[in-house]
C-alpha atoms as a PDB file:
ATOM      1  CA  MET A   1       0.139   0.144  -0.204  1.00  0.00           C
ATOM      2  CA  VAL A   2       3.044   2.433   0.617  1.00  0.00           C
ATOM      3  CA  SER A   3       3.668   2.405  -3.193  1.00  0.00           C
ATOM      4  CA  VAL A   4      -0.229   2.642  -3.763  1.00  0.00           C
ATOM      5  CA  ILE A   5      -0.364   6.255  -1.531  1.00  0.00           C
ATOM      6  CA  LEU A   6       2.996   7.411  -3.232  1.00  0.00           C
ATOM      7  CA  ASP A   7       2.440   7.307  -6.731  1.00  0.00           C
ATOM      8  CA  ASN A   8      -1.166   8.824  -6.221  1.00  0.00           C
ATOM      9  CA  LEU A   9       0.927  12.039  -4.159  1.00  0.00           C
ATOM     10  CA  ALA A  10       3.272  11.727  -6.940  1.00  0.00           C
ATOM     11  CA  ALA A  11       0.646  12.109  -9.397  1.00  0.00           C
ATOM     12  CA  GLY A  12      -1.278  15.045  -7.212  1.00  0.00           C
ATOM     13  CA  LEU A  13      -3.868  13.770  -5.979  1.00  0.00           C
ATOM     14  CA  SER A  14      -4.830  15.793  -2.620  1.00  0.00           C
ATOM     15  CA  HIS A  15      -5.034  13.898   0.447  1.00  0.00           C
ATOM     16  CA  LYS A  16      -8.293  14.328   0.197  1.00  0.00           C
ATOM     17  CA  GLU A  17      -8.631  12.864  -3.109  1.00  0.00           C
ATOM     18  CA  ILE A  18      -6.997   9.484  -1.783  1.00  0.00           C
ATOM     19  CA  PHE A  19      -8.896   9.374   1.562  1.00  0.00           C
ATOM     20  CA  GLU A  20     -12.344   9.548  -1.098  1.00  0.00           C
ATOM     21  CA  SER A  21     -10.429   6.441  -3.045  1.00  0.00           C
ATOM     22  CA  TYR A  22      -9.393   4.272  -0.298  1.00  0.00           C
ATOM     23  CA  PRO A  23     -12.143   5.039   2.582  1.00  0.00           C
ATOM     24  CA  SER A  24     -10.288   2.898   4.957  1.00  0.00           C
ATOM     25  CA  LEU A  25      -6.808   4.744   5.210  1.00  0.00           C
ATOM     26  CA  LYS A  26      -6.067   7.033   7.837  1.00  0.00           C
ATOM     27  CA  PRO A  27      -3.845  10.246   8.063  1.00  0.00           C
ATOM     28  CA  GLU A  28      -1.343   8.289   9.873  1.00  0.00           C
ATOM     29  CA  ASP A  29      -0.719   5.462   7.165  1.00  0.00           C
ATOM     30  CA  ILE A  30      -0.067   8.816   4.442  1.00  0.00           C
ATOM     31  CA  HIS A  31       2.708  10.218   7.183  1.00  0.00           C
ATOM     32  CA  ALA A  32       3.775   6.921   7.818  1.00  0.00           C
ATOM     33  CA  ALA A  33       4.100   5.539   3.458  1.00  0.00           C
ATOM     34  CA  ILE A  34       5.800   9.357   3.372  1.00  0.00           C
ATOM     35  CA  ALA A  35       8.652   8.715   6.734  1.00  0.00           C
ATOM     36  CA  ASP A  36       8.988   4.787   5.212  1.00  0.00           C
ATOM     37  CA  LYS A  37      10.322   6.576   2.220  1.00  0.00           C
ATOM     38  CA  THR A  38      12.385   8.924   3.398  1.00  0.00           C
ATOM     39  CA  LEU A  39      14.233   7.206   6.010  1.00  0.00           C
ATOM     40  CA  PRO A  40      17.836   5.869   5.145  1.00  0.00           C
ATOM     41  CA  THR A  41      18.399   2.472   3.745  1.00  0.00           C
ATOM     42  CA  ASN A  42      21.179  -0.086   4.539  1.00  0.00           C
ATOM     43  CA  GLU A  43      21.367  -0.385   0.195  1.00  0.00           C
ATOM     44  CA  PRO A  44      24.654   0.460  -1.011  1.00  0.00           C
ATOM     45  CA  ARG A  45      24.586   3.695  -3.334  1.00  0.00           C
ATOM     46  CA  ILE A  46      25.752   3.009  -6.822  1.00  0.00           C
ATOM     47  CA  ALA A  47      28.312   5.794  -7.937  1.00  0.00           C
ATOM     48  CA  ARG A  48      27.028   7.353 -11.479  1.00  0.00           C
END
């Protein structure tokens, strides 16, 4: 569900629009999805 939330946000949908499409979501679900993707990972970075 994290990717669905982030895809909707990236597409420009407002929180209200996301809640209308997914009524089982709560505000903390959106905040958690954003936080999940902003936390550092243990994956190595690839130099360009």
